[in-house]
Amino acid sequence: MATVTKIEDLLVWQESRILVRQIFEITSREKFSKEFFLKDQIKRSGISTMSNIAEGFGRSGNKEFVQFLYMANGSLSELKSQLYIAFDFNLITEDELNQFLSSVFKLENMIKAFARKIKESDYTGSKFKPITQ
């Protein structure tokens, strides 16, 4: 297990960063040019996921970190719904939808497993001892 000393070391954050990059790439396409609200919401959900992971890490307490991980997971659920809307209105293909859903599912599982590990930890937060993943 690697000791995590900064947010960039955290695998779940790295994975969320990849997802945000993919979201920005797909929403920059011409098909999204007139769908301002949906485009904005999809981006915000992805950004919220990544940001909540970072904010939880920055709080330095395990209970708060877990709470922010659950908020990140909620943002992923919101993103999933928005991706279905994008598919239903032909803004993304079925293959793209499935690729995104696979990424979202992977990240959801990572977040849940990490939250579970933090909750089971004897430590009260990274301010006392660095977390590991």
C-alpha atoms as a PDB file:
ATOM      1  CA  MET A   1       0.000   0.000   0.000  1.00  0.00           C
ATOM      2  CA  ALA A   2       1.233   3.435  -0.848  1.00  0.00           C
ATOM      3  CA  THR A   3       1.124   6.267   1.641  1.00  0.00           C
ATOM      4  CA  VAL A   4      -0.893   9.194   0.384  1.00  0.00           C
ATOM      5  CA  THR A   5       0.512  12.600   1.275  1.00  0.00           C
ATOM      6  CA  LYS A   6      -1.164  14.762  -1.374  1.00  0.00           C
ATOM      7  CA  ILE A   7      -4.361  14.587  -3.401  1.00  0.00           C
ATOM      8  CA  GLU A   8      -2.463  13.786  -6.589  1.00  0.00           C
ATOM      9  CA  ASP A   9      -1.359  10.483  -4.976  1.00  0.00           C
ATOM     10  CA  LEU A  10      -4.931   9.333  -4.468  1.00  0.00           C
ATOM     11  CA  LEU A  11      -6.001   6.779  -7.108  1.00  0.00           C
ATOM     12  CA  VAL A  12      -9.694   7.615  -6.792  1.00  0.00           C
ATOM     13  CA  TRP A  13      -8.923  11.293  -7.457  1.00  0.00           C
ATOM     14  CA  GLN A  14      -6.719  10.364 -10.446  1.00  0.00           C
ATOM     15  CA  GLU A  15      -9.577   8.321 -11.904  1.00  0.00           C
ATOM     16  CA  SER A  16     -12.037  11.197 -11.412  1.00  0.00           C
ATOM     17  CA  ARG A  17      -9.629  13.518 -13.190  1.00  0.00           C
ATOM     18  CA  ILE A  18      -9.577  11.184 -16.203  1.00  0.00           C
ATOM     19  CA  LEU A  19     -13.387  11.154 -16.241  1.00  0.00           C
ATOM     20  CA  VAL A  20     -13.547  14.968 -16.140  1.00  0.00           C
ATOM     21  CA  ARG A  21     -11.130  15.148 -19.061  1.00  0.00           C
ATOM     22  CA  GLN A  22     -13.336  12.737 -21.041  1.00  0.00           C
ATOM     23  CA  ILE A  23     -16.426  14.793 -20.203  1.00  0.00           C
ATOM     24  CA  PHE A  24     -14.830  18.005 -21.407  1.00  0.00           C
ATOM     25  CA  GLU A  25     -13.707  16.325 -24.622  1.00  0.00           C
ATOM     26  CA  ILE A  26     -17.134  14.976 -25.491  1.00  0.00           C
ATOM     27  CA  THR A  27     -19.078  18.099 -24.514  1.00  0.00           C
ATOM     28  CA  SER A  28     -16.839  20.272 -26.686  1.00  0.00           C
ATOM     29  CA  ARG A  29     -18.277  18.623 -29.787  1.00  0.00           C
ATOM     30  CA  GLU A  30     -20.601  20.463 -32.133  1.00  0.00           C
ATOM     31  CA  LYS A  31     -23.615  18.369 -31.077  1.00  0.00           C
ATOM     32  CA  PHE A  32     -23.487  19.967 -27.614  1.00  0.00           C
ATOM     33  CA  SER A  33     -23.154  23.539 -28.940  1.00  0.00           C
ATOM     34  CA  LYS A  34     -26.833  24.404 -28.454  1.00  0.00           C
ATOM     35  CA  GLU A  35     -27.381  22.317 -25.334  1.00  0.00           C
ATOM     36  CA  PHE A  36     -25.929  24.844 -22.907  1.00  0.00           C
ATOM     37  CA  PHE A  37     -27.780  23.671 -19.813  1.00  0.00           C
ATOM     38  CA  LEU A  38     -27.117  19.959 -20.242  1.00  0.00           C
ATOM     39  CA  LYS A  39     -23.515  20.592 -21.280  1.00  0.00           C
ATOM     40  CA  ASP A  40     -23.001  22.726 -18.171  1.00  0.00           C
ATOM     41  CA  GLN A  41     -24.681  20.183 -15.880  1.00  0.00           C
ATOM     42  CA  ILE A  42     -22.631  17.276 -17.213  1.00  0.00           C
ATOM     43  CA  LYS A  43     -19.431  19.232 -16.664  1.00  0.00           C
ATOM     44  CA  ARG A  44     -20.527  20.354 -13.203  1.00  0.00           C
ATOM     45  CA  SER A  45     -21.336  16.808 -12.106  1.00  0.00           C
ATOM     46  CA  GLY A  46     -17.919  15.572 -13.187  1.00  0.00           C
ATOM     47  CA  ILE A  47     -16.158  18.526 -11.610  1.00  0.00           C
ATOM     48  CA  SER A  48     -18.188  18.078  -8.423  1.00  0.00           C
ATOM     49  CA  THR A  49     -17.088  14.443  -8.179  1.00  0.00           C
ATOM     50  CA  MET A  50     -13.416  15.335  -8.458  1.00  0.00           C
ATOM     51  CA  SER A  51     -13.769  18.379  -6.189  1.00  0.00           C
ATOM     52  CA  ASN A  52     -15.605  16.532  -3.420  1.00  0.00           C
ATOM     53  CA  ILE A  53     -12.877  13.899  -3.309  1.00  0.00           C
ATOM     54  CA  ALA A  54     -10.288  16.674  -3.041  1.00  0.00           C
ATOM     55  CA  GLU A  55     -12.234  18.620  -0.412  1.00  0.00           C
ATOM     56  CA  GLY A  56     -12.747  15.526   1.715  1.00  0.00           C
ATOM     57  CA  PHE A  57      -9.045  14.795   1.544  1.00  0.00           C
ATOM     58  CA  GLY A  58      -8.261  18.370   2.530  1.00  0.00           C
ATOM     59  CA  ARG A  59     -10.467  18.210   5.623  1.00  0.00           C
ATOM     60  CA  SER A  60      -7.988  15.793   7.222  1.00  0.00           C
ATOM     61  CA  GLY A  61     -10.594  13.908   9.200  1.00  0.00           C
ATOM     62  CA  ASN A  62     -11.846  10.444   8.309  1.00  0.00           C
ATOM     63  CA  LYS A  63     -15.527  11.113   9.061  1.00  0.00           C
ATOM     64  CA  GLU A  64     -15.515  14.232   6.928  1.00  0.00           C
ATOM     65  CA  PHE A  65     -13.581  12.482   4.179  1.00  0.00           C
ATOM     66  CA  VAL A  66     -16.144   9.680   4.020  1.00  0.00           C
ATOM     67  CA  GLN A  67     -18.967  12.234   3.917  1.00  0.00           C
ATOM     68  CA  PHE A  68     -17.346  13.981   0.945  1.00  0.00           C
ATOM     69  CA  LEU A  69     -16.731  10.651  -0.785  1.00  0.00           C
ATOM     70  CA  TYR A  70     -20.452   9.944  -0.532  1.00  0.00           C
ATOM     71  CA  MET A  71     -21.189  13.382  -1.991  1.00  0.00           C
ATOM     72  CA  ALA A  72     -18.792  12.567  -4.845  1.00  0.00           C
ATOM     73  CA  ASN A  73     -20.710   9.354  -5.406  1.00  0.00           C
ATOM     74  CA  GLY A  74     -23.968  11.327  -5.501  1.00  0.00           C
ATOM     75  CA  SER A  75     -22.496  13.557  -8.190  1.00  0.00           C
ATOM     76  CA  LEU A  76     -21.652  10.436 -10.179  1.00  0.00           C
ATOM     77  CA  SER A  77     -25.281   9.313  -9.985  1.00  0.00           C
ATOM     78  CA  GLU A  78     -26.313  12.719 -11.284  1.00  0.00           C
ATOM     79  CA  LEU A  79     -23.772  12.405 -14.094  1.00  0.00           C
ATOM     80  CA  LYS A  80     -25.164   9.002 -15.021  1.00  0.00           C
ATOM     81  CA  SER A  81     -28.660  10.465 -15.464  1.00  0.00           C
ATOM     82  CA  GLN A  82     -27.322  13.307 -17.563  1.00  0.00           C
ATOM     83  CA  LEU A  83     -25.432  10.899 -19.792  1.00  0.00           C
ATOM     84  CA  TYR A  84     -28.654   9.001 -20.441  1.00  0.00           C
ATOM     85  CA  ILE A  85     -30.311  12.294 -21.389  1.00  0.00           C
ATOM     86  CA  ALA A  86     -27.434  13.046 -23.761  1.00  0.00           C
ATOM     87  CA  PHE A  87     -27.889   9.605 -25.317  1.00  0.00           C
ATOM     88  CA  ASP A  88     -31.691   9.935 -25.538  1.00  0.00           C
ATOM     89  CA  PHE A  89     -31.283  13.159 -27.495  1.00  0.00           C
ATOM     90  CA  ASN A  90     -28.550  11.786 -29.789  1.00  0.00           C
ATOM     91  CA  LEU A  91     -25.747  13.878 -28.359  1.00  0.00           C
ATOM     92  CA  ILE A  92     -23.667  10.775 -27.662  1.00  0.00           C
ATOM     93  CA  THR A  93     -23.721   7.328 -29.240  1.00  0.00           C
ATOM     94  CA  GLU A  94     -24.651   4.129 -27.470  1.00  0.00           C
ATOM     95  CA  ASP A  95     -20.987   3.088 -27.487  1.00  0.00           C
ATOM     96  CA  GLU A  96     -19.990   6.401 -25.894  1.00  0.00           C
ATOM     97  CA  LEU A  97     -22.736   6.034 -23.302  1.00  0.00           C
ATOM     98  CA  ASN A  98     -21.532   2.546 -22.445  1.00  0.00           C
ATOM     99  CA  GLN A  99     -17.917   3.699 -22.202  1.00  0.00           C
ATOM    100  CA  PHE A 100     -18.914   6.504 -19.840  1.00  0.00           C
ATOM    101  CA  LEU A 101     -21.114   4.216 -17.761  1.00  0.00           C
ATOM    102  CA  SER A 102     -18.235   1.778 -17.449  1.00  0.00           C
ATOM    103  CA  SER A 103     -15.955   4.584 -16.227  1.00  0.00           C
ATOM    104  CA  VAL A 104     -18.613   5.838 -13.822  1.00  0.00           C
ATOM    105  CA  PHE A 105     -19.224   2.323 -12.468  1.00  0.00           C
ATOM    106  CA  LYS A 106     -15.486   1.808 -11.935  1.00  0.00           C
ATOM    107  CA  LEU A 107     -15.186   5.116 -10.101  1.00  0.00           C
ATOM    108  CA  GLU A 108     -18.295   4.415  -7.990  1.00  0.00           C
ATOM    109  CA  ASN A 109     -16.790   1.119  -6.895  1.00  0.00           C
ATOM    110  CA  MET A 110     -13.461   2.763  -6.098  1.00  0.00           C
ATOM    111  CA  ILE A 111     -15.172   5.452  -4.023  1.00  0.00           C
ATOM    112  CA  LYS A 112     -17.303   2.945  -2.105  1.00  0.00           C
ATOM    113  CA  ALA A 113     -14.343   0.668  -1.396  1.00  0.00           C
ATOM    114  CA  PHE A 114     -12.192   3.589  -0.291  1.00  0.00           C
ATOM    115  CA  ALA A 115     -14.936   4.990   1.950  1.00  0.00           C
ATOM    116  CA  ARG A 116     -15.387   1.546   3.507  1.00  0.00           C
ATOM    117  CA  LYS A 117     -11.647   1.273   4.132  1.00  0.00           C
ATOM    118  CA  ILE A 118     -11.515   4.693   5.749  1.00  0.00           C
ATOM    119  CA  LYS A 119     -14.515   3.888   7.970  1.00  0.00           C
ATOM    120  CA  GLU A 120     -12.887   0.638   9.097  1.00  0.00           C
ATOM    121  CA  SER A 121      -9.582   2.355   9.841  1.00  0.00           C
ATOM    122  CA  ASP A 122      -8.404   2.844  13.432  1.00  0.00           C
ATOM    123  CA  TYR A 123      -7.069   6.270  12.543  1.00  0.00           C
ATOM    124  CA  THR A 124      -9.119   9.402  12.998  1.00  0.00           C
ATOM    125  CA  GLY A 125      -7.692  11.246  10.047  1.00  0.00           C
ATOM    126  CA  SER A 126      -4.692  12.142   7.999  1.00  0.00           C
ATOM    127  CA  LYS A 127      -3.848  14.954  10.377  1.00  0.00           C
ATOM    128  CA  PHE A 128      -2.721  12.205  12.755  1.00  0.00           C
ATOM    129  CA  LYS A 129      -1.322   9.625  10.314  1.00  0.00           C
ATOM    130  CA  PRO A 130      -1.130   9.534   6.511  1.00  0.00           C
ATOM    131  CA  ILE A 131      -3.826   7.425   4.844  1.00  0.00           C
ATOM    132  CA  THR A 132      -2.992   4.522   2.577  1.00  0.00           C
ATOM    133  CA  GLN A 133      -4.876   3.060  -0.334  1.00  0.00           C
END
